[in-house]
């Protein structure tokens, strides 16, 4: 099941998402986390903490979940 993450701005960085999900406690830990763990963005392995996540982007963090970026007011395209 995909969990929706509603964007309040045009995009969110991968580090910001990890912090919002409480996977890391500070943005500085993102680089370490991405070196030690696998994160998929739109089905491809991603290790850049500054990767911009726009509406329509799907992020999979094994053992944590799958997340779908969406803008407030848009229809849920993840179903």
PDB file of N, CA and C in Angstrom:
ATOM      1  N   UNK A   1       0.847  -1.192   0.000  1.00  0.00           N
ATOM      2  CA  UNK A   1       0.000   0.000   0.000  1.00  0.00           C
ATOM      3  C   UNK A   1       0.883   1.243   0.000  1.00  0.00           C
ATOM      4  N   UNK A   2       0.516   2.195  -0.816  1.00  0.00           N
ATOM      5  CA  UNK A   2       1.271   3.436  -0.915  1.00  0.00           C
ATOM      6  C   UNK A   2       0.679   4.491   0.007  1.00  0.00           C
ATOM      7  N   UNK A   3       1.554   5.162   0.696  1.00  0.00           N
ATOM      8  CA  UNK A   3       1.127   6.265   1.549  1.00  0.00           C
ATOM      9  C   UNK A   3       1.367   7.555   0.793  1.00  0.00           C
ATOM     10  N   UNK A   4       0.383   8.453   0.799  1.00  0.00           N
ATOM     11  CA  UNK A   4       0.526   9.734   0.111  1.00  0.00           C
ATOM     12  C   UNK A   4       1.270  10.724   1.001  1.00  0.00           C
ATOM     13  N   UNK A   5       2.182  11.450   0.372  1.00  0.00           N
ATOM     14  CA  UNK A   5       2.866  12.563   1.024  1.00  0.00           C
ATOM     15  C   UNK A   5       2.434  13.813   0.267  1.00  0.00           C
ATOM     16  N   UNK A   6       1.751  14.708   0.939  1.00  0.00           N
ATOM     17  CA  UNK A   6       1.241  15.915   0.281  1.00  0.00           C
ATOM     18  C   UNK A   6       2.309  17.008   0.331  1.00  0.00           C
ATOM     19  N   UNK A   7       2.674  17.489  -0.849  1.00  0.00           N
ATOM     20  CA  UNK A   7       3.667  18.557  -0.963  1.00  0.00           C
ATOM     21  C   UNK A   7       3.034  19.903  -0.652  1.00  0.00           C
ATOM     22  N   UNK A   8       3.727  20.697   0.133  1.00  0.00           N
ATOM     23  CA  UNK A   8       3.267  22.048   0.434  1.00  0.00           C
ATOM     24  C   UNK A   8       3.959  23.058  -0.465  1.00  0.00           C
ATOM     25  N   UNK A   9       5.037  22.627  -1.112  1.00  0.00           N
ATOM     26  CA  UNK A   9       5.790  23.451  -2.060  1.00  0.00           C
ATOM     27  C   UNK A   9       5.884  22.682  -3.367  1.00  0.00           C
ATOM     28  N   UNK A  10       6.619  23.198  -4.329  1.00  0.00           N
ATOM     29  CA  UNK A  10       6.739  22.545  -5.634  1.00  0.00           C
ATOM     30  C   UNK A  10       7.397  21.168  -5.529  1.00  0.00           C
ATOM     31  N   UNK A  11       8.382  21.048  -4.631  1.00  0.00           N
ATOM     32  CA  UNK A  11       9.086  19.779  -4.458  1.00  0.00           C
ATOM     33  C   UNK A  11       9.620  19.669  -3.035  1.00  0.00           C
ATOM     34  N   UNK A  12      10.100  18.471  -2.706  1.00  0.00           N
ATOM     35  CA  UNK A  12      10.733  18.187  -1.429  1.00  0.00           C
ATOM     36  C   UNK A  12      11.994  17.388  -1.753  1.00  0.00           C
ATOM     37  N   UNK A  13      13.071  17.596  -1.007  1.00  0.00           N
ATOM     38  CA  UNK A  13      14.265  16.797  -1.259  1.00  0.00           C
ATOM     39  C   UNK A  13      14.140  15.450  -0.548  1.00  0.00           C
ATOM     40  N   UNK A  14      14.930  14.498  -0.993  1.00  0.00           N
ATOM     41  CA  UNK A  14      14.909  13.178  -0.375  1.00  0.00           C
ATOM     42  C   UNK A  14      15.285  13.266   1.099  1.00  0.00           C
ATOM     43  N   UNK A  15      16.243  14.102   1.440  1.00  0.00           N
ATOM     44  CA  UNK A  15      16.631  14.284   2.848  1.00  0.00           C
ATOM     45  C   UNK A  15      15.455  14.818   3.672  1.00  0.00           C
ATOM     46  N   UNK A  16      14.701  15.766   3.116  1.00  0.00           N
ATOM     47  CA  UNK A  16      13.543  16.309   3.831  1.00  0.00           C
ATOM     48  C   UNK A  16      12.486  15.231   4.054  1.00  0.00           C
ATOM     49  N   UNK A  17      12.291  14.372   3.045  1.00  0.00           N
ATOM     50  CA  UNK A  17      11.318  13.290   3.196  1.00  0.00           C
ATOM     51  C   UNK A  17      11.750  12.321   4.283  1.00  0.00           C
ATOM     52  N   UNK A  18      13.023  11.931   4.284  1.00  0.00           N
ATOM     53  CA  UNK A  18      13.517  11.006   5.306  1.00  0.00           C
ATOM     54  C   UNK A  18      13.328  11.587   6.702  1.00  0.00           C
ATOM     55  N   UNK A  19      13.554  12.884   6.837  1.00  0.00           N
ATOM     56  CA  UNK A  19      13.368  13.538   8.134  1.00  0.00           C
ATOM     57  C   UNK A  19      11.890  13.596   8.514  1.00  0.00           C
ATOM     58  N   UNK A  20      11.024  13.922   7.549  1.00  0.00           N
ATOM     59  CA  UNK A  20       9.588  13.985   7.820  1.00  0.00           C
ATOM     60  C   UNK A  20       9.025  12.623   8.242  1.00  0.00           C
ATOM     61  N   UNK A  21       9.579  11.556   7.678  1.00  0.00           N
ATOM     62  CA  UNK A  21       9.126  10.205   8.001  1.00  0.00           C
ATOM     63  C   UNK A  21       9.755   9.671   9.285  1.00  0.00           C
ATOM     64  N   UNK A  22      10.601  10.469   9.930  1.00  0.00           N
ATOM     65  CA  UNK A  22      11.336  10.082  11.138  1.00  0.00           C
ATOM     66  C   UNK A  22      12.269   8.898  10.911  1.00  0.00           C
ATOM     67  N   UNK A  23      12.756   8.763   9.686  1.00  0.00           N
ATOM     68  CA  UNK A  23      13.763   7.750   9.375  1.00  0.00           C
ATOM     69  C   UNK A  23      15.114   8.239   9.903  1.00  0.00           C
ATOM     70  N   UNK A  24      15.330   9.548   9.807  1.00  0.00           N
ATOM     71  CA  UNK A  24      16.524  10.186  10.356  1.00  0.00           C
ATOM     72  C   UNK A  24      16.061  11.330  11.252  1.00  0.00           C
ATOM     73  N   UNK A  25      16.932  11.755  12.171  1.00  0.00           N
ATOM     74  CA  UNK A  25      16.520  12.830  13.079  1.00  0.00           C
ATOM     75  C   UNK A  25      17.003  14.204  12.639  1.00  0.00           C
ATOM     76  N   UNK A  26      17.988  14.238  11.718  1.00  0.00           N
ATOM     77  CA  UNK A  26      18.443  15.527  11.202  1.00  0.00           C
ATOM     78  C   UNK A  26      18.846  15.362   9.747  1.00  0.00           C
ATOM     79  N   UNK A  27      18.805  16.458   9.019  1.00  0.00           N
ATOM     80  CA  UNK A  27      19.160  16.415   7.599  1.00  0.00           C
ATOM     81  C   UNK A  27      20.587  15.961   7.363  1.00  0.00           C
ATOM     82  N   UNK A  28      21.475  16.192   8.314  1.00  0.00           N
ATOM     83  CA  UNK A  28      22.866  15.794   8.188  1.00  0.00           C
ATOM     84  C   UNK A  28      23.060  14.283   8.169  1.00  0.00           C
ATOM     85  N   UNK A  29      22.103  13.538   8.668  1.00  0.00           N
ATOM     86  CA  UNK A  29      22.206  12.083   8.689  1.00  0.00           C
ATOM     87  C   UNK A  29      21.805  11.449   7.361  1.00  0.00           C
ATOM     88  N   UNK A  30      21.244  12.220   6.451  1.00  0.00           N
ATOM     89  CA  UNK A  30      20.746  11.674   5.184  1.00  0.00           C
ATOM     90  C   UNK A  30      21.851  11.034   4.364  1.00  0.00           C
ATOM     91  N   UNK A  31      22.996  11.683   4.276  1.00  0.00           N
ATOM     92  CA  UNK A  31      24.097  11.146   3.478  1.00  0.00           C
ATOM     93  C   UNK A  31      24.514   9.774   4.007  1.00  0.00           C
ATOM     94  N   UNK A  32      24.670   9.661   5.305  1.00  0.00           N
ATOM     95  CA  UNK A  32      25.033   8.388   5.927  1.00  0.00           C
ATOM     96  C   UNK A  32      23.952   7.338   5.665  1.00  0.00           C
ATOM     97  N   UNK A  33      22.694   7.725   5.886  1.00  0.00           N
ATOM     98  CA  UNK A  33      21.584   6.777   5.712  1.00  0.00           C
ATOM     99  C   UNK A  33      21.558   6.232   4.283  1.00  0.00           C
ATOM    100  N   UNK A  34      21.715   7.090   3.299  1.00  0.00           N
ATOM    101  CA  UNK A  34      21.650   6.670   1.901  1.00  0.00           C
ATOM    102  C   UNK A  34      22.855   5.829   1.485  1.00  0.00           C
ATOM    103  N   UNK A  35      23.980   5.958   2.176  1.00  0.00           N
ATOM    104  CA  UNK A  35      25.134   5.107   1.902  1.00  0.00           C
ATOM    105  C   UNK A  35      24.925   3.703   2.461  1.00  0.00           C
ATOM    106  N   UNK A  36      24.202   3.614   3.569  1.00  0.00           N
ATOM    107  CA  UNK A  36      24.025   2.338   4.266  1.00  0.00           C
ATOM    108  C   UNK A  36      22.737   1.604   3.908  1.00  0.00           C
ATOM    109  N   UNK A  37      21.763   2.281   3.297  1.00  0.00           N
ATOM    110  CA  UNK A  37      20.450   1.699   3.023  1.00  0.00           C
ATOM    111  C   UNK A  37      20.049   1.942   1.575  1.00  0.00           C
ATOM    112  N   UNK A  38      19.217   1.059   1.067  1.00  0.00           N
ATOM    113  CA  UNK A  38      18.733   1.182  -0.302  1.00  0.00           C
ATOM    114  C   UNK A  38      17.425   1.962  -0.315  1.00  0.00           C
ATOM    115  N   UNK A  39      17.357   2.977  -1.169  1.00  0.00           N
ATOM    116  CA  UNK A  39      16.134   3.763  -1.358  1.00  0.00           C
ATOM    117  C   UNK A  39      15.897   3.839  -2.867  1.00  0.00           C
ATOM    118  N   UNK A  40      14.659   3.570  -3.271  1.00  0.00           N
ATOM    119  CA  UNK A  40      14.303   3.615  -4.681  1.00  0.00           C
ATOM    120  C   UNK A  40      13.435   4.837  -4.953  1.00  0.00           C
ATOM    121  N   UNK A  41      13.755   5.561  -6.019  1.00  0.00           N
ATOM    122  CA  UNK A  41      12.925   6.669  -6.484  1.00  0.00           C
ATOM    123  C   UNK A  41      12.498   6.307  -7.897  1.00  0.00           C
ATOM    124  N   UNK A  42      11.203   6.165  -8.079  1.00  0.00           N
ATOM    125  CA  UNK A  42      10.637   5.730  -9.362  1.00  0.00           C
ATOM    126  C   UNK A  42      11.289   4.440  -9.856  1.00  0.00           C
ATOM    127  N   UNK A  43      11.543   3.511  -8.928  1.00  0.00           N
ATOM    128  CA  UNK A  43      12.067   2.204  -9.274  1.00  0.00           C
ATOM    129  C   UNK A  43      13.569   2.107  -9.452  1.00  0.00           C
ATOM    130  N   UNK A  44      14.293   3.212  -9.303  1.00  0.00           N
ATOM    131  CA  UNK A  44      15.746   3.210  -9.460  1.00  0.00           C
ATOM    132  C   UNK A  44      16.415   3.567  -8.138  1.00  0.00           C
ATOM    133  N   UNK A  45      17.533   2.921  -7.852  1.00  0.00           N
ATOM    134  CA  UNK A  45      18.264   3.204  -6.620  1.00  0.00           C
ATOM    135  C   UNK A  45      18.727   4.660  -6.630  1.00  0.00           C
ATOM    136  N   UNK A  46      18.519   5.320  -5.504  1.00  0.00           N
ATOM    137  CA  UNK A  46      18.889   6.739  -5.384  1.00  0.00           C
ATOM    138  C   UNK A  46      19.745   6.925  -4.142  1.00  0.00           C
ATOM    139  N   UNK A  47      20.862   7.635  -4.276  1.00  0.00           N
ATOM    140  CA  UNK A  47      21.716   7.903  -3.125  1.00  0.00           C
ATOM    141  C   UNK A  47      22.035   9.386  -2.954  1.00  0.00           C
ATOM    142  N   UNK A  48      21.323  10.250  -3.672  1.00  0.00           N
ATOM    143  CA  UNK A  48      21.536  11.697  -3.555  1.00  0.00           C
ATOM    144  C   UNK A  48      20.519  12.291  -2.578  1.00  0.00           C
ATOM    145  N   UNK A  49      20.992  12.842  -1.496  1.00  0.00           N
ATOM    146  CA  UNK A  49      20.077  13.405  -0.489  1.00  0.00           C
ATOM    147  C   UNK A  49      19.342  14.629  -1.005  1.00  0.00           C
ATOM    148  N   UNK A  50      19.910  15.303  -2.002  1.00  0.00           N
ATOM    149  CA  UNK A  50      19.290  16.497  -2.564  1.00  0.00           C
ATOM    150  C   UNK A  50      18.344  16.213  -3.714  1.00  0.00           C
ATOM    151  N   UNK A  51      18.096  14.945  -4.015  1.00  0.00           N
ATOM    152  CA  UNK A  51      17.192  14.582  -5.116  1.00  0.00           C
ATOM    153  C   UNK A  51      15.839  15.244  -4.890  1.00  0.00           C
ATOM    154  N   UNK A  52      15.368  15.968  -5.884  1.00  0.00           N
ATOM    155  CA  UNK A  52      14.090  16.666  -5.773  1.00  0.00           C
ATOM    156  C   UNK A  52      12.956  15.696  -6.079  1.00  0.00           C
ATOM    157  N   UNK A  53      11.978  15.675  -5.203  1.00  0.00           N
ATOM    158  CA  UNK A  53      10.818  14.799  -5.337  1.00  0.00           C
ATOM    159  C   UNK A  53       9.607  15.663  -5.650  1.00  0.00           C
ATOM    160  N   UNK A  54       9.087  15.507  -6.853  1.00  0.00           N
ATOM    161  CA  UNK A  54       7.938  16.286  -7.305  1.00  0.00           C
ATOM    162  C   UNK A  54       6.669  15.447  -7.198  1.00  0.00           C
ATOM    163  N   UNK A  55       5.516  16.081  -7.369  1.00  0.00           N
ATOM    164  CA  UNK A  55       4.248  15.351  -7.403  1.00  0.00           C
ATOM    165  C   UNK A  55       4.330  14.283  -8.491  1.00  0.00           C
ATOM    166  N   UNK A  56       3.876  13.084  -8.163  1.00  0.00           N
ATOM    167  CA  UNK A  56       3.919  11.978  -9.109  1.00  0.00           C
ATOM    168  C   UNK A  56       5.104  11.053  -8.901  1.00  0.00           C
ATOM    169  N   UNK A  57       6.025  11.427  -8.018  1.00  0.00           N
ATOM    170  CA  UNK A  57       7.205  10.607  -7.737  1.00  0.00           C
ATOM    171  C   UNK A  57       6.852   9.533  -6.714  1.00  0.00           C
ATOM    172  N   UNK A  58       7.354   8.312  -6.945  1.00  0.00           N
ATOM    173  CA  UNK A  58       7.144   7.221  -6.002  1.00  0.00           C
ATOM    174  C   UNK A  58       8.476   6.872  -5.353  1.00  0.00           C
ATOM    175  N   UNK A  59       8.482   6.757  -4.033  1.00  0.00           N
ATOM    176  CA  UNK A  59       9.674   6.443  -3.268  1.00  0.00           C
ATOM    177  C   UNK A  59       9.417   5.159  -2.504  1.00  0.00           C
ATOM    178  N   UNK A  60      10.345   4.221  -2.600  1.00  0.00           N
ATOM    179  CA  UNK A  60      10.231   2.970  -1.848  1.00  0.00           C
ATOM    180  C   UNK A  60      11.433   2.855  -0.928  1.00  0.00           C
ATOM    181  N   UNK A  61      11.142   2.695   0.356  1.00  0.00           N
ATOM    182  CA  UNK A  61      12.181   2.493   1.352  1.00  0.00           C
ATOM    183  C   UNK A  61      11.899   1.125   1.964  1.00  0.00           C
ATOM    184  N   UNK A  62      12.667   0.103   1.553  1.00  0.00           N
ATOM    185  CA  UNK A  62      12.416  -1.243   2.067  1.00  0.00           C
ATOM    186  C   UNK A  62      12.346  -1.256   3.596  1.00  0.00           C
ATOM    187  N   UNK A  63      11.434  -2.036   4.122  1.00  0.00           N
ATOM    188  CA  UNK A  63      11.180  -2.192   5.554  1.00  0.00           C
ATOM    189  C   UNK A  63      10.528  -0.966   6.194  1.00  0.00           C
ATOM    190  N   UNK A  64      10.299   0.097   5.412  1.00  0.00           N
ATOM    191  CA  UNK A  64       9.613   1.278   5.947  1.00  0.00           C
ATOM    192  C   UNK A  64       8.317   1.505   5.199  1.00  0.00           C
ATOM    193  N   UNK A  65       8.363   1.478   3.865  1.00  0.00           N
ATOM    194  CA  UNK A  65       7.139   1.639   3.091  1.00  0.00           C
ATOM    195  C   UNK A  65       7.355   2.244   1.727  1.00  0.00           C
ATOM    196  N   UNK A  66       6.237   2.404   1.031  1.00  0.00           N
ATOM    197  CA  UNK A  66       6.222   3.026  -0.284  1.00  0.00           C
ATOM    198  C   UNK A  66       5.421   4.310  -0.172  1.00  0.00           C
ATOM    199  N   UNK A  67       5.938   5.367  -0.762  1.00  0.00           N
ATOM    200  CA  UNK A  67       5.339   6.693  -0.620  1.00  0.00           C
ATOM    201  C   UNK A  67       5.152   7.325  -1.988  1.00  0.00           C
ATOM    202  N   UNK A  68       4.056   8.036  -2.150  1.00  0.00           N
ATOM    203  CA  UNK A  68       3.708   8.671  -3.414  1.00  0.00           C
ATOM    204  C   UNK A  68       3.528  10.157  -3.168  1.00  0.00           C
ATOM    205  N   UNK A  69       4.334  10.958  -3.860  1.00  0.00           N
ATOM    206  CA  UNK A  69       4.274  12.407  -3.690  1.00  0.00           C
ATOM    207  C   UNK A  69       3.082  12.957  -4.470  1.00  0.00           C
ATOM    208  N   UNK A  70       2.318  13.824  -3.826  1.00  0.00           N
ATOM    209  CA  UNK A  70       1.155  14.414  -4.472  1.00  0.00           C
ATOM    210  C   UNK A  70       0.996  15.867  -4.020  1.00  0.00           C
ATOM    211  N   UNK A  71       0.350  16.655  -4.838  1.00  0.00           N
ATOM    212  CA  UNK A  71       0.036  18.043  -4.487  1.00  0.00           C
ATOM    213  C   UNK A  71      -1.359  18.078  -3.874  1.00  0.00           C
ATOM    214  N   UNK A  72      -1.568  18.965  -2.961  1.00  0.00           N
ATOM    215  CA  UNK A  72      -2.889  19.118  -2.369  1.00  0.00           C
ATOM    216  C   UNK A  72      -3.892  19.498  -3.451  1.00  0.00           C
ATOM    217  N   UNK A  73      -5.003  18.802  -3.470  1.00  0.00           N
ATOM    218  CA  UNK A  73      -6.041  19.113  -4.438  1.00  0.00           C
ATOM    219  C   UNK A  73      -5.972  18.313  -5.731  1.00  0.00           C
ATOM    220  N   UNK A  74      -4.927  17.476  -5.900  1.00  0.00           N
ATOM    221  CA  UNK A  74      -4.850  16.649  -7.108  1.00  0.00           C
ATOM    222  C   UNK A  74      -5.460  15.285  -6.834  1.00  0.00           C
ATOM    223  N   UNK A  75      -5.931  14.649  -7.878  1.00  0.00           N
ATOM    224  CA  UNK A  75      -6.508  13.323  -7.720  1.00  0.00           C
ATOM    225  C   UNK A  75      -5.399  12.329  -7.447  1.00  0.00           C
ATOM    226  N   UNK A  76      -5.693  11.293  -6.680  1.00  0.00           N
ATOM    227  CA  UNK A  76      -4.718  10.280  -6.313  1.00  0.00           C
ATOM    228  C   UNK A  76      -4.439   9.369  -7.513  1.00  0.00           C
ATOM    229  N   UNK A  77      -3.297   9.553  -8.152  1.00  0.00           N
ATOM    230  CA  UNK A  77      -2.923   8.749  -9.305  1.00  0.00           C
ATOM    231  C   UNK A  77      -2.228   7.453  -8.921  1.00  0.00           C
ATOM    232  N   UNK A  78      -2.045   7.226  -7.611  1.00  0.00           N
ATOM    233  CA  UNK A  78      -1.315   6.047  -7.170  1.00  0.00           C
ATOM    234  C   UNK A  78      -2.196   4.806  -7.098  1.00  0.00           C
ATOM    235  N   UNK A  79      -3.490   4.948  -7.279  1.00  0.00           N
ATOM    236  CA  UNK A  79      -4.398   3.789  -7.169  1.00  0.00           C
ATOM    237  C   UNK A  79      -4.630   3.156  -8.513  1.00  0.00           C
TER     238      UNK A  79
END
